[in-house]
Amino acid sequence: MGLQELIDASPAPRARMSVAAETALVCGLGAVLTATFSILFGVSLLFGAVAVLTGLVGLISTHRPDVAGSALNVLGLLLGLLALAIVGVRYLGIDTALGDPLIPWLTDQLHHWNTKLPQPR
């Protein structure tokens, strides 16, 4: 009996990853990374809201035994809530734009690496 026959005959249920959990994680990461730049607060609010909404949907969908991703879901939900809290504190008057001093350096780095690429004709 080959390995493939053993895998096919396995009584273990096949689990699939929750799309809501993956979306919550990606949007939560995007929200946290953009929350420290004042120019990207709107993007952070959008990503944070999507992360929280898909995180709530993911909480419901990952309770089924054939759906995986509960850890991704919780992490994405927490990151989305953290980003929304950072932006909310900014609107209360506390400066949370820690990434703003990095903008000139990031611009210089992008310009430097763009000059290394072949230019279109």
PDB file of N, CA and C in Angstrom:
ATOM      1  N   MET A   1       0.856  -1.168   0.000  1.00  0.00           N
ATOM      2  CA  MET A   1       0.000   0.000   0.000  1.00  0.00           C
ATOM      3  C   MET A   1       0.905   1.235   0.000  1.00  0.00           C
ATOM      4  N   GLY A   2       0.639   2.153  -0.918  1.00  0.00           N
ATOM      5  CA  GLY A   2       1.446   3.355  -1.039  1.00  0.00           C
ATOM      6  C   GLY A   2       0.994   4.443  -0.076  1.00  0.00           C
ATOM      7  N   LEU A   3       1.785   5.467  -0.032  1.00  0.00           N
ATOM      8  CA  LEU A   3       1.510   6.588   0.868  1.00  0.00           C
ATOM      9  C   LEU A   3       0.204   7.297   0.493  1.00  0.00           C
ATOM     10  N   GLN A   4      -0.035   7.465  -0.798  1.00  0.00           N
ATOM     11  CA  GLN A   4      -1.242   8.154  -1.227  1.00  0.00           C
ATOM     12  C   GLN A   4      -2.495   7.387  -0.824  1.00  0.00           C
ATOM     13  N   GLU A   5      -2.462   6.057  -0.892  1.00  0.00           N
ATOM     14  CA  GLU A   5      -3.630   5.270  -0.475  1.00  0.00           C
ATOM     15  C   GLU A   5      -3.879   5.413   1.020  1.00  0.00           C
ATOM     16  N   LEU A   6      -2.782   5.498   1.789  1.00  0.00           N
ATOM     17  CA  LEU A   6      -2.952   5.698   3.235  1.00  0.00           C
ATOM     18  C   LEU A   6      -3.572   7.051   3.545  1.00  0.00           C
ATOM     19  N   ILE A   7      -3.148   8.067   2.817  1.00  0.00           N
ATOM     20  CA  ILE A   7      -3.692   9.416   3.036  1.00  0.00           C
ATOM     21  C   ILE A   7      -5.161   9.453   2.633  1.00  0.00           C
ATOM     22  N   ASP A   8      -5.475   8.858   1.493  1.00  0.00           N
ATOM     23  CA  ASP A   8      -6.871   8.856   1.033  1.00  0.00           C
ATOM     24  C   ASP A   8      -7.780   8.072   1.970  1.00  0.00           C
ATOM     25  N   ALA A   9      -7.253   7.003   2.587  1.00  0.00           N
ATOM     26  CA  ALA A   9      -8.056   6.168   3.480  1.00  0.00           C
ATOM     27  C   ALA A   9      -8.115   6.713   4.898  1.00  0.00           C
ATOM     28  N   SER A  10      -7.441   7.808   5.170  1.00  0.00           N
ATOM     29  CA  SER A  10      -7.390   8.365   6.514  1.00  0.00           C
ATOM     30  C   SER A  10      -8.775   8.815   6.968  1.00  0.00           C
ATOM     31  N   PRO A  11      -9.151   8.490   8.213  1.00  0.00           N
ATOM     32  CA  PRO A  11     -10.455   8.922   8.708  1.00  0.00           C
ATOM     33  C   PRO A  11     -10.461  10.380   9.177  1.00  0.00           C
ATOM     34  N   ALA A  12      -9.300  11.043   9.145  1.00  0.00           N
ATOM     35  CA  ALA A  12      -9.221  12.426   9.615  1.00  0.00           C
ATOM     36  C   ALA A  12     -10.030  13.334   8.685  1.00  0.00           C
ATOM     37  N   PRO A  13     -10.819  14.228   9.248  1.00  0.00           N
ATOM     38  CA  PRO A  13     -11.603  15.128   8.407  1.00  0.00           C
ATOM     39  C   PRO A  13     -10.692  16.146   7.717  1.00  0.00           C
ATOM     40  N   ARG A  14     -11.059  16.522   6.545  1.00  0.00           N
ATOM     41  CA  ARG A  14     -10.300  17.517   5.791  1.00  0.00           C
ATOM     42  C   ARG A  14     -10.759  18.905   6.238  1.00  0.00           C
ATOM     43  N   ALA A  15      -9.825  19.706   6.668  1.00  0.00           N
ATOM     44  CA  ALA A  15     -10.150  21.063   7.124  1.00  0.00           C
ATOM     45  C   ALA A  15      -9.722  22.058   6.061  1.00  0.00           C
ATOM     46  N   ARG A  16     -10.457  23.128   5.962  1.00  0.00           N
ATOM     47  CA  ARG A  16     -10.098  24.220   5.054  1.00  0.00           C
ATOM     48  C   ARG A  16      -9.889  25.479   5.880  1.00  0.00           C
ATOM     49  N   MET A  17      -9.077  26.375   5.338  1.00  0.00           N
ATOM     50  CA  MET A  17      -8.768  27.618   6.034  1.00  0.00           C
ATOM     51  C   MET A  17      -9.912  28.612   5.819  1.00  0.00           C
ATOM     52  N   SER A  18     -10.260  29.320   6.855  1.00  0.00           N
ATOM     53  CA  SER A  18     -11.315  30.330   6.789  1.00  0.00           C
ATOM     54  C   SER A  18     -10.809  31.565   6.049  1.00  0.00           C
ATOM     55  N   VAL A  19     -11.523  31.952   5.016  1.00  0.00           N
ATOM     56  CA  VAL A  19     -11.155  33.153   4.256  1.00  0.00           C
ATOM     57  C   VAL A  19     -11.315  34.389   5.143  1.00  0.00           C
ATOM     58  N   ALA A  20     -12.307  34.388   5.997  1.00  0.00           N
ATOM     59  CA  ALA A  20     -12.511  35.525   6.906  1.00  0.00           C
ATOM     60  C   ALA A  20     -11.328  35.672   7.860  1.00  0.00           C
ATOM     61  N   ALA A  21     -10.772  34.564   8.330  1.00  0.00           N
ATOM     62  CA  ALA A  21      -9.627  34.629   9.235  1.00  0.00           C
ATOM     63  C   ALA A  21      -8.398  35.172   8.518  1.00  0.00           C
ATOM     64  N   GLU A  22      -8.179  34.719   7.285  1.00  0.00           N
ATOM     65  CA  GLU A  22      -7.041  35.225   6.519  1.00  0.00           C
ATOM     66  C   GLU A  22      -7.191  36.711   6.225  1.00  0.00           C
ATOM     67  N   THR A  23      -8.398  37.123   5.869  1.00  0.00           N
ATOM     68  CA  THR A  23      -8.652  38.535   5.581  1.00  0.00           C
ATOM     69  C   THR A  23      -8.465  39.380   6.838  1.00  0.00           C
ATOM     70  N   ALA A  24      -8.918  38.884   7.972  1.00  0.00           N
ATOM     71  CA  ALA A  24      -8.761  39.613   9.229  1.00  0.00           C
ATOM     72  C   ALA A  24      -7.282  39.800   9.557  1.00  0.00           C
ATOM     73  N   LEU A  25      -6.480  38.773   9.363  1.00  0.00           N
ATOM     74  CA  LEU A  25      -5.052  38.881   9.662  1.00  0.00           C
ATOM     75  C   LEU A  25      -4.363  39.871   8.729  1.00  0.00           C
ATOM     76  N   VAL A  26      -4.607  39.767   7.437  1.00  0.00           N
ATOM     77  CA  VAL A  26      -3.951  40.661   6.477  1.00  0.00           C
ATOM     78  C   VAL A  26      -4.375  42.109   6.713  1.00  0.00           C
ATOM     79  N   CYS A  27      -5.652  42.340   6.907  1.00  0.00           N
ATOM     80  CA  CYS A  27      -6.132  43.709   7.142  1.00  0.00           C
ATOM     81  C   CYS A  27      -5.667  44.235   8.501  1.00  0.00           C
ATOM     82  N   GLY A  28      -5.602  43.367   9.506  1.00  0.00           N
ATOM     83  CA  GLY A  28      -5.099  43.786  10.813  1.00  0.00           C
ATOM     84  C   GLY A  28      -3.637  44.194  10.743  1.00  0.00           C
ATOM     85  N   LEU A  29      -2.828  43.423  10.014  1.00  0.00           N
ATOM     86  CA  LEU A  29      -1.423  43.798   9.835  1.00  0.00           C
ATOM     87  C   LEU A  29      -1.300  45.119   9.087  1.00  0.00           C
ATOM     88  N   GLY A  30      -2.085  45.272   8.025  1.00  0.00           N
ATOM     89  CA  GLY A  30      -2.062  46.532   7.279  1.00  0.00           C
ATOM     90  C   GLY A  30      -2.492  47.714   8.131  1.00  0.00           C
ATOM     91  N   ALA A  31      -3.485  47.506   8.979  1.00  0.00           N
ATOM     92  CA  ALA A  31      -3.973  48.585   9.839  1.00  0.00           C
ATOM     93  C   ALA A  31      -2.925  49.010  10.859  1.00  0.00           C
ATOM     94  N   VAL A  32      -2.265  48.042  11.472  1.00  0.00           N
ATOM     95  CA  VAL A  32      -1.253  48.378  12.481  1.00  0.00           C
ATOM     96  C   VAL A  32      -0.045  49.057  11.836  1.00  0.00           C
ATOM     97  N   LEU A  33       0.371  48.579  10.659  1.00  0.00           N
ATOM     98  CA  LEU A  33       1.533  49.170   9.999  1.00  0.00           C
ATOM     99  C   LEU A  33       1.267  50.583   9.495  1.00  0.00           C
ATOM    100  N   THR A  34       0.031  50.889   9.131  1.00  0.00           N
ATOM    101  CA  THR A  34      -0.280  52.225   8.637  1.00  0.00           C
ATOM    102  C   THR A  34      -0.732  53.178   9.745  1.00  0.00           C
ATOM    103  N   ALA A  35      -0.991  52.683  10.935  1.00  0.00           N
ATOM    104  CA  ALA A  35      -1.509  53.533  12.014  1.00  0.00           C
ATOM    105  C   ALA A  35      -0.479  54.524  12.533  1.00  0.00           C
ATOM    106  N   THR A  36       0.801  54.272  12.315  1.00  0.00           N
ATOM    107  CA  THR A  36       1.824  55.171  12.856  1.00  0.00           C
ATOM    108  C   THR A  36       2.158  56.325  11.926  1.00  0.00           C
ATOM    109  N   PHE A  37       1.550  56.389  10.747  1.00  0.00           N
ATOM    110  CA  PHE A  37       1.770  57.494   9.815  1.00  0.00           C
ATOM    111  C   PHE A  37       0.505  58.337   9.751  1.00  0.00           C
ATOM    112  N   SER A  38       0.630  59.640  10.014  1.00  0.00           N
ATOM    113  CA  SER A  38      -0.558  60.496  10.054  1.00  0.00           C
ATOM    114  C   SER A  38      -1.216  60.622   8.684  1.00  0.00           C
ATOM    115  N   ILE A  39      -0.447  60.506   7.623  1.00  0.00           N
ATOM    116  CA  ILE A  39      -1.026  60.630   6.294  1.00  0.00           C
ATOM    117  C   ILE A  39      -1.868  59.403   5.935  1.00  0.00           C
ATOM    118  N   LEU A  40      -1.678  58.293   6.644  1.00  0.00           N
ATOM    119  CA  LEU A  40      -2.375  57.047   6.340  1.00  0.00           C
ATOM    120  C   LEU A  40      -3.428  56.678   7.383  1.00  0.00           C
ATOM    121  N   PHE A  41      -3.890  57.629   8.184  1.00  0.00           N
ATOM    122  CA  PHE A  41      -4.889  57.310   9.199  1.00  0.00           C
ATOM    123  C   PHE A  41      -6.193  56.811   8.582  1.00  0.00           C
ATOM    124  N   GLY A  42      -6.598  57.381   7.456  1.00  0.00           N
ATOM    125  CA  GLY A  42      -7.813  56.918   6.785  1.00  0.00           C
ATOM    126  C   GLY A  42      -7.696  55.476   6.318  1.00  0.00           C
ATOM    127  N   VAL A  43      -6.530  55.132   5.772  1.00  0.00           N
ATOM    128  CA  VAL A  43      -6.280  53.758   5.334  1.00  0.00           C
ATOM    129  C   VAL A  43      -6.292  52.827   6.540  1.00  0.00           C
ATOM    130  N   SER A  44      -5.698  53.284   7.633  1.00  0.00           N
ATOM    131  CA  SER A  44      -5.665  52.472   8.845  1.00  0.00           C
ATOM    132  C   SER A  44      -7.073  52.249   9.397  1.00  0.00           C
ATOM    133  N   LEU A  45      -7.904  53.275   9.356  1.00  0.00           N
ATOM    134  CA  LEU A  45      -9.295  53.117   9.803  1.00  0.00           C
ATOM    135  C   LEU A  45     -10.041  52.104   8.938  1.00  0.00           C
ATOM    136  N   LEU A  46      -9.826  52.178   7.626  1.00  0.00           N
ATOM    137  CA  LEU A  46     -10.494  51.251   6.719  1.00  0.00           C
ATOM    138  C   LEU A  46     -10.024  49.825   6.965  1.00  0.00           C
ATOM    139  N   PHE A  47      -8.701  49.618   7.015  1.00  0.00           N
ATOM    140  CA  PHE A  47      -8.171  48.281   7.272  1.00  0.00           C
ATOM    141  C   PHE A  47      -8.608  47.762   8.649  1.00  0.00           C
ATOM    142  N   GLY A  48      -8.601  48.628   9.648  1.00  0.00           N
ATOM    143  CA  GLY A  48      -9.005  48.215  10.990  1.00  0.00           C
ATOM    144  C   GLY A  48     -10.466  47.797  11.043  1.00  0.00           C
ATOM    145  N   ALA A  49     -11.317  48.555  10.371  1.00  0.00           N
ATOM    146  CA  ALA A  49     -12.745  48.210  10.355  1.00  0.00           C
ATOM    147  C   ALA A  49     -12.983  46.884   9.635  1.00  0.00           C
ATOM    148  N   VAL A  50     -12.299  46.683   8.514  1.00  0.00           N
ATOM    149  CA  VAL A  50     -12.446  45.416   7.786  1.00  0.00           C
ATOM    150  C   VAL A  50     -11.909  44.262   8.623  1.00  0.00           C
ATOM    151  N   ALA A  51     -10.780  44.477   9.321  1.00  0.00           N
ATOM    152  CA  ALA A  51     -10.210  43.426  10.161  1.00  0.00           C
ATOM    153  C   ALA A  51     -11.167  43.043  11.289  1.00  0.00           C
ATOM    154  N   VAL A  52     -11.793  44.018  11.906  1.00  0.00           N
ATOM    155  CA  VAL A  52     -12.719  43.724  13.004  1.00  0.00           C
ATOM    156  C   VAL A  52     -13.967  43.006  12.474  1.00  0.00           C
ATOM    157  N   LEU A  53     -14.516  43.489  11.368  1.00  0.00           N
ATOM    158  CA  LEU A  53     -15.722  42.854  10.823  1.00  0.00           C
ATOM    159  C   LEU A  53     -15.451  41.424  10.361  1.00  0.00           C
ATOM    160  N   THR A  54     -14.373  41.225   9.612  1.00  0.00           N
ATOM    161  CA  THR A  54     -14.072  39.865   9.161  1.00  0.00           C
ATOM    162  C   THR A  54     -13.604  38.993  10.323  1.00  0.00           C
ATOM    163  N   GLY A  55     -13.020  39.606  11.347  1.00  0.00           N
ATOM    164  CA  GLY A  55     -12.663  38.840  12.539  1.00  0.00           C
ATOM    165  C   GLY A  55     -13.884  38.322  13.268  1.00  0.00           C
ATOM    166  N   LEU A  56     -14.932  39.129  13.333  1.00  0.00           N
ATOM    167  CA  LEU A  56     -16.166  38.671  13.963  1.00  0.00           C
ATOM    168  C   LEU A  56     -16.830  37.565  13.146  1.00  0.00           C
ATOM    169  N   VAL A  57     -16.812  37.706  11.828  1.00  0.00           N
ATOM    170  CA  VAL A  57     -17.346  36.651  10.971  1.00  0.00           C
ATOM    171  C   VAL A  57     -16.503  35.384  11.131  1.00  0.00           C
ATOM    172  N   GLY A  58     -15.195  35.556  11.219  1.00  0.00           N
ATOM    173  CA  GLY A  58     -14.304  34.416  11.379  1.00  0.00           C
ATOM    174  C   GLY A  58     -14.494  33.698  12.704  1.00  0.00           C
ATOM    175  N   LEU A  59     -14.831  34.443  13.757  1.00  0.00           N
ATOM    176  CA  LEU A  59     -15.094  33.805  15.045  1.00  0.00           C
ATOM    177  C   LEU A  59     -16.254  32.807  14.938  1.00  0.00           C
ATOM    178  N   ILE A  60     -17.250  33.176  14.171  1.00  0.00           N
ATOM    179  CA  ILE A  60     -18.399  32.295  13.995  1.00  0.00           C
ATOM    180  C   ILE A  60     -18.040  31.116  13.090  1.00  0.00           C
ATOM    181  N   SER A  61     -17.334  31.398  11.996  1.00  0.00           N
ATOM    182  CA  SER A  61     -17.082  30.330  11.026  1.00  0.00           C
ATOM    183  C   SER A  61     -16.035  29.323  11.487  1.00  0.00           C
ATOM    184  N   THR A  62     -15.113  29.714  12.349  1.00  0.00           N
ATOM    185  CA  THR A  62     -14.068  28.770  12.764  1.00  0.00           C
ATOM    186  C   THR A  62     -14.504  27.860  13.899  1.00  0.00           C
ATOM    187  N   HIS A  63     -15.725  27.980  14.364  1.00  0.00           N
ATOM    188  CA  HIS A  63     -16.226  27.047  15.370  1.00  0.00           C
ATOM    189  C   HIS A  63     -16.606  25.704  14.760  1.00  0.00           C
ATOM    190  N   ARG A  64     -16.793  25.670  13.463  1.00  0.00           N
ATOM    191  CA  ARG A  64     -17.107  24.405  12.798  1.00  0.00           C
ATOM    192  C   ARG A  64     -15.846  23.555  12.737  1.00  0.00           C
ATOM    193  N   PRO A  65     -15.975  22.235  12.861  1.00  0.00           N
ATOM    194  CA  PRO A  65     -14.779  21.380  12.906  1.00  0.00           C
ATOM    195  C   PRO A  65     -14.029  21.287  11.585  1.00  0.00           C
ATOM    196  N   ASP A  66     -14.674  21.593  10.455  1.00  0.00           N
ATOM    197  CA  ASP A  66     -13.987  21.491   9.166  1.00  0.00           C
ATOM    198  C   ASP A  66     -13.377  22.804   8.707  1.00  0.00           C
ATOM    199  N   VAL A  67     -13.359  23.834   9.566  1.00  0.00           N
ATOM    200  CA  VAL A  67     -12.810  25.142   9.212  1.00  0.00           C
ATOM    201  C   VAL A  67     -11.685  25.477  10.189  1.00  0.00           C
ATOM    202  N   ALA A  68     -10.502  25.745   9.642  1.00  0.00           N
ATOM    203  CA  ALA A  68      -9.337  26.098  10.451  1.00  0.00           C
ATOM    204  C   ALA A  68      -9.113  27.607  10.399  1.00  0.00           C
ATOM    205  N   GLY A  69      -8.237  28.096  11.260  1.00  0.00           N
ATOM    206  CA  GLY A  69      -7.850  29.495  11.220  1.00  0.00           C
ATOM    207  C   GLY A  69      -8.268  30.303  12.424  1.00  0.00           C
ATOM    208  N   SER A  70      -8.601  29.663  13.518  1.00  0.00           N
ATOM    209  CA  SER A  70      -9.063  30.433  14.676  1.00  0.00           C
ATOM    210  C   SER A  70      -7.940  31.290  15.259  1.00  0.00           C
ATOM    211  N   ALA A  71      -6.699  30.821  15.215  1.00  0.00           N
ATOM    212  CA  ALA A  71      -5.584  31.623  15.738  1.00  0.00           C
ATOM    213  C   ALA A  71      -5.325  32.837  14.849  1.00  0.00           C
ATOM    214  N   LEU A  72      -5.376  32.638  13.531  1.00  0.00           N
ATOM    215  CA  LEU A  72      -5.222  33.769  12.609  1.00  0.00           C
ATOM    216  C   LEU A  72      -6.327  34.778  12.830  1.00  0.00           C
ATOM    217  N   ASN A  73      -7.505  34.275  13.051  1.00  0.00           N
ATOM    218  CA  ASN A  73      -8.667  35.130  13.237  1.00  0.00           C
ATOM    219  C   ASN A  73      -8.523  36.003  14.473  1.00  0.00           C
ATOM    220  N   VAL A  74      -8.144  35.400  15.582  1.00  0.00           N
ATOM    221  CA  VAL A  74      -8.006  36.157  16.833  1.00  0.00           C
ATOM    222  C   VAL A  74      -6.894  37.187  16.702  1.00  0.00           C
ATOM    223  N   LEU A  75      -5.771  36.805  16.093  1.00  0.00           N
ATOM    224  CA  LEU A  75      -4.669  37.755  15.919  1.00  0.00           C
ATOM    225  C   LEU A  75      -5.078  38.921  15.029  1.00  0.00           C
ATOM    226  N   GLY A  76      -5.764  38.636  13.927  1.00  0.00           N
ATOM    227  CA  GLY A  76      -6.228  39.709  13.045  1.00  0.00           C
ATOM    228  C   GLY A  76      -7.220  40.628  13.720  1.00  0.00           C
ATOM    229  N   LEU A  77      -8.119  40.065  14.504  1.00  0.00           N
ATOM    230  CA  LEU A  77      -9.095  40.865  15.246  1.00  0.00           C
ATOM    231  C   LEU A  77      -8.398  41.770  16.259  1.00  0.00           C
ATOM    232  N   LEU A  78      -7.436  41.228  16.988  1.00  0.00           N
ATOM    233  CA  LEU A  78      -6.700  42.036  17.971  1.00  0.00           C
ATOM    234  C   LEU A  78      -5.875  43.136  17.305  1.00  0.00           C
ATOM    235  N   LEU A  79      -5.241  42.823  16.178  1.00  0.00           N
ATOM    236  CA  LEU A  79      -4.464  43.845  15.471  1.00  0.00           C
ATOM    237  C   LEU A  79      -5.372  44.952  14.943  1.00  0.00           C
ATOM    238  N   GLY A  80      -6.534  44.580  14.436  1.00  0.00           N
ATOM    239  CA  GLY A  80      -7.488  45.590  13.974  1.00  0.00           C
ATOM    240  C   GLY A  80      -7.969  46.481  15.102  1.00  0.00           C
ATOM    241  N   LEU A  81      -8.266  45.888  16.247  1.00  0.00           N
ATOM    242  CA  LEU A  81      -8.695  46.683  17.405  1.00  0.00           C
ATOM    243  C   LEU A  81      -7.570  47.582  17.911  1.00  0.00           C
ATOM    244  N   LEU A  82      -6.333  47.067  17.884  1.00  0.00           N
ATOM    245  CA  LEU A  82      -5.179  47.883  18.298  1.00  0.00           C
ATOM    246  C   LEU A  82      -5.009  49.087  17.381  1.00  0.00           C
ATOM    247  N   ALA A  83      -5.111  48.871  16.083  1.00  0.00           N
ATOM    248  CA  ALA A  83      -4.971  49.978  15.135  1.00  0.00           C
ATOM    249  C   ALA A  83      -6.076  51.004  15.321  1.00  0.00           C
ATOM    250  N   LEU A  84      -7.305  50.544  15.532  1.00  0.00           N
ATOM    251  CA  LEU A  84      -8.397  51.484  15.768  1.00  0.00           C
ATOM    252  C   LEU A  84      -8.190  52.261  17.057  1.00  0.00           C
ATOM    253  N   ALA A  85      -7.615  51.623  18.072  1.00  0.00           N
ATOM    254  CA  ALA A  85      -7.323  52.312  19.324  1.00  0.00           C
ATOM    255  C   ALA A  85      -6.224  53.360  19.123  1.00  0.00           C
ATOM    256  N   ILE A  86      -5.208  53.029  18.338  1.00  0.00           N
ATOM    257  CA  ILE A  86      -4.120  53.991  18.077  1.00  0.00           C
ATOM    258  C   ILE A  86      -4.666  55.217  17.352  1.00  0.00           C
ATOM    259  N   VAL A  87      -5.492  54.997  16.350  1.00  0.00           N
ATOM    260  CA  VAL A  87      -6.075  56.123  15.616  1.00  0.00           C
ATOM    261  C   VAL A  87      -7.044  56.892  16.514  1.00  0.00           C
ATOM    262  N   GLY A  88      -7.800  56.201  17.349  1.00  0.00           N
ATOM    263  CA  GLY A  88      -8.717  56.874  18.268  1.00  0.00           C
ATOM    264  C   GLY A  88      -7.999  57.754  19.273  1.00  0.00           C
ATOM    265  N   VAL A  89      -6.879  57.281  19.774  1.00  0.00           N
ATOM    266  CA  VAL A  89      -6.076  58.085  20.699  1.00  0.00           C
ATOM    267  C   VAL A  89      -5.539  59.323  19.982  1.00  0.00           C
ATOM    268  N   ARG A  90      -5.195  59.173  18.710  1.00  0.00           N
ATOM    269  CA  ARG A  90      -4.722  60.319  17.925  1.00  0.00           C
ATOM    270  C   ARG A  90      -5.807  61.387  17.832  1.00  0.00           C
ATOM    271  N   TYR A  91      -7.053  60.973  17.649  1.00  0.00           N
ATOM    272  CA  TYR A  91      -8.141  61.945  17.566  1.00  0.00           C
ATOM    273  C   TYR A  91      -8.472  62.570  18.918  1.00  0.00           C
ATOM    274  N   LEU A  92      -8.009  61.974  20.003  1.00  0.00           N
ATOM    275  CA  LEU A  92      -8.180  62.578  21.319  1.00  0.00           C
ATOM    276  C   LEU A  92      -7.107  63.625  21.605  1.00  0.00           C
ATOM    277  N   GLY A  93      -6.128  63.758  20.728  1.00  0.00           N
ATOM    278  CA  GLY A  93      -5.115  64.793  20.871  1.00  0.00           C
ATOM    279  C   GLY A  93      -3.741  64.293  21.274  1.00  0.00           C
ATOM    280  N   ILE A  94      -3.571  62.995  21.443  1.00  0.00           N
ATOM    281  CA  ILE A  94      -2.256  62.437  21.792  1.00  0.00           C
ATOM    282  C   ILE A  94      -1.566  62.030  20.500  1.00  0.00           C
ATOM    283  N   ASP A  95      -0.329  62.475  20.328  1.00  0.00           N
ATOM    284  CA  ASP A  95       0.395  62.223  19.086  1.00  0.00           C
ATOM    285  C   ASP A  95       0.854  60.769  19.029  1.00  0.00           C
ATOM    286  N   THR A  96       0.287  60.006  18.094  1.00  0.00           N
ATOM    287  CA  THR A  96       0.694  58.613  17.889  1.00  0.00           C
ATOM    288  C   THR A  96       1.352  58.417  16.533  1.00  0.00           C
ATOM    289  N   ALA A  97       1.634  59.505  15.839  1.00  0.00           N
ATOM    290  CA  ALA A  97       2.243  59.417  14.510  1.00  0.00           C
ATOM    291  C   ALA A  97       3.752  59.254  14.650  1.00  0.00           C
ATOM    292  N   LEU A  98       4.163  58.091  15.100  1.00  0.00           N
ATOM    293  CA  LEU A  98       5.579  57.834  15.321  1.00  0.00           C
ATOM    294  C   LEU A  98       6.338  57.607  14.031  1.00  0.00           C
ATOM    295  N   GLY A  99       5.663  57.284  12.967  1.00  0.00           N
ATOM    296  CA  GLY A  99       6.333  57.001  11.706  1.00  0.00           C
ATOM    297  C   GLY A  99       6.578  58.226  10.839  1.00  0.00           C
ATOM    298  N   ASP A 100       6.001  59.379  11.188  1.00  0.00           N
ATOM    299  CA  ASP A 100       6.162  60.569  10.355  1.00  0.00           C
ATOM    300  C   ASP A 100       7.614  61.007  10.173  1.00  0.00           C
ATOM    301  N   PRO A 101       8.487  60.928  11.181  1.00  0.00           N
ATOM    302  CA  PRO A 101       9.887  61.299  10.925  1.00  0.00           C
ATOM    303  C   PRO A 101      10.599  60.369   9.941  1.00  0.00           C
ATOM    304  N   LEU A 102      10.057  59.186   9.713  1.00  0.00           N
ATOM    305  CA  LEU A 102      10.679  58.246   8.776  1.00  0.00           C
ATOM    306  C   LEU A 102      10.327  58.532   7.318  1.00  0.00           C
ATOM    307  N   ILE A 103       9.351  59.381   7.065  1.00  0.00           N
ATOM    308  CA  ILE A 103       8.896  59.603   5.694  1.00  0.00           C
ATOM    309  C   ILE A 103      10.004  60.134   4.791  1.00  0.00           C
ATOM    310  N   PRO A 104      10.798  61.139   5.189  1.00  0.00           N
ATOM    311  CA  PRO A 104      11.886  61.566   4.287  1.00  0.00           C
ATOM    312  C   PRO A 104      12.896  60.451   4.008  1.00  0.00           C
ATOM    313  N   TRP A 105      13.223  59.653   5.014  1.00  0.00           N
ATOM    314  CA  TRP A 105      14.161  58.557   4.812  1.00  0.00           C
ATOM    315  C   TRP A 105      13.571  57.508   3.870  1.00  0.00           C
ATOM    316  N   LEU A 106      12.286  57.182   4.059  1.00  0.00           N
ATOM    317  CA  LEU A 106      11.633  56.225   3.170  1.00  0.00           C
ATOM    318  C   LEU A 106      11.580  56.746   1.735  1.00  0.00           C
ATOM    319  N   THR A 107      11.332  58.042   1.581  1.00  0.00           N
ATOM    320  CA  THR A 107      11.298  58.635   0.244  1.00  0.00           C
ATOM    321  C   THR A 107      12.662  58.542  -0.417  1.00  0.00           C
ATOM    322  N   ASP A 108      13.710  58.853   0.332  1.00  0.00           N
ATOM    323  CA  ASP A 108      15.073  58.744  -0.211  1.00  0.00           C
ATOM    324  C   ASP A 108      15.401  57.305  -0.596  1.00  0.00           C
ATOM    325  N   GLN A 109      15.013  56.348   0.246  1.00  0.00           N
ATOM    326  CA  GLN A 109      15.292  54.944  -0.059  1.00  0.00           C
ATOM    327  C   GLN A 109      14.538  54.481  -1.313  1.00  0.00           C
ATOM    328  N   LEU A 110      13.280  54.876  -1.423  1.00  0.00           N
ATOM    329  CA  LEU A 110      12.513  54.508  -2.613  1.00  0.00           C
ATOM    330  C   LEU A 110      13.104  55.114  -3.872  1.00  0.00           C
ATOM    331  N   HIS A 111      13.515  56.372  -3.787  1.00  0.00           N
ATOM    332  CA  HIS A 111      14.138  57.021  -4.946  1.00  0.00           C
ATOM    333  C   HIS A 111      15.448  56.321  -5.302  1.00  0.00           C
ATOM    334  N   HIS A 112      16.257  55.997  -4.308  1.00  0.00           N
ATOM    335  CA  HIS A 112      17.540  55.328  -4.540  1.00  0.00           C
ATOM    336  C   HIS A 112      17.338  53.986  -5.237  1.00  0.00           C
ATOM    337  N   TRP A 113      16.398  53.175  -4.735  1.00  0.00           N
ATOM    338  CA  TRP A 113      16.197  51.850  -5.315  1.00  0.00           C
ATOM    339  C   TRP A 113      15.463  51.907  -6.650  1.00  0.00           C
ATOM    340  N   ASN A 114      14.660  52.939  -6.874  1.00  0.00           N
ATOM    341  CA  ASN A 114      14.016  53.099  -8.180  1.00  0.00           C
ATOM    342  C   ASN A 114      15.012  53.470  -9.263  1.00  0.00           C
ATOM    343  N   THR A 115      16.073  54.188  -8.909  1.00  0.00           N
ATOM    344  CA  THR A 115      17.092  54.521  -9.910  1.00  0.00           C
ATOM    345  C   THR A 115      17.889  53.286 -10.324  1.00  0.00           C
ATOM    346  N   LYS A 116      17.912  52.255  -9.504  1.00  0.00           N
ATOM    347  CA  LYS A 116      18.622  51.018  -9.835  1.00  0.00           C
ATOM    348  C   LYS A 116      17.860  50.159 -10.846  1.00  0.00           C
ATOM    349  N   LEU A 117      16.567  50.377 -10.947  1.00  0.00           N
ATOM    350  CA  LEU A 117      15.735  49.582 -11.853  1.00  0.00           C
ATOM    351  C   LEU A 117      15.849  50.119 -13.277  1.00  0.00           C
ATOM    352  N   PRO A 118      15.699  49.259 -14.277  1.00  0.00           N
ATOM    353  CA  PRO A 118      15.694  49.760 -15.663  1.00  0.00           C
ATOM    354  C   PRO A 118      14.481  50.642 -15.902  1.00  0.00           C
ATOM    355  N   GLN A 119      14.693  51.739 -16.560  1.00  0.00           N
ATOM    356  CA  GLN A 119      13.638  52.702 -16.815  1.00  0.00           C
ATOM    357  C   GLN A 119      12.914  52.370 -18.120  1.00  0.00           C
ATOM    358  N   PRO A 120      11.591  52.589 -18.190  1.00  0.00           N
ATOM    359  CA  PRO A 120      10.861  52.337 -19.442  1.00  0.00           C
ATOM    360  C   PRO A 120      11.272  53.332 -20.508  1.00  0.00           C
ATOM    361  N   ARG A 121      11.158  52.899 -21.748  1.00  0.00           N
ATOM    362  CA  ARG A 121      11.559  53.785 -22.867  1.00  0.00           C
ATOM    363  C   ARG A 121      10.432  54.622 -23.349  1.00  0.00           C
TER     364      ARG A 121
END
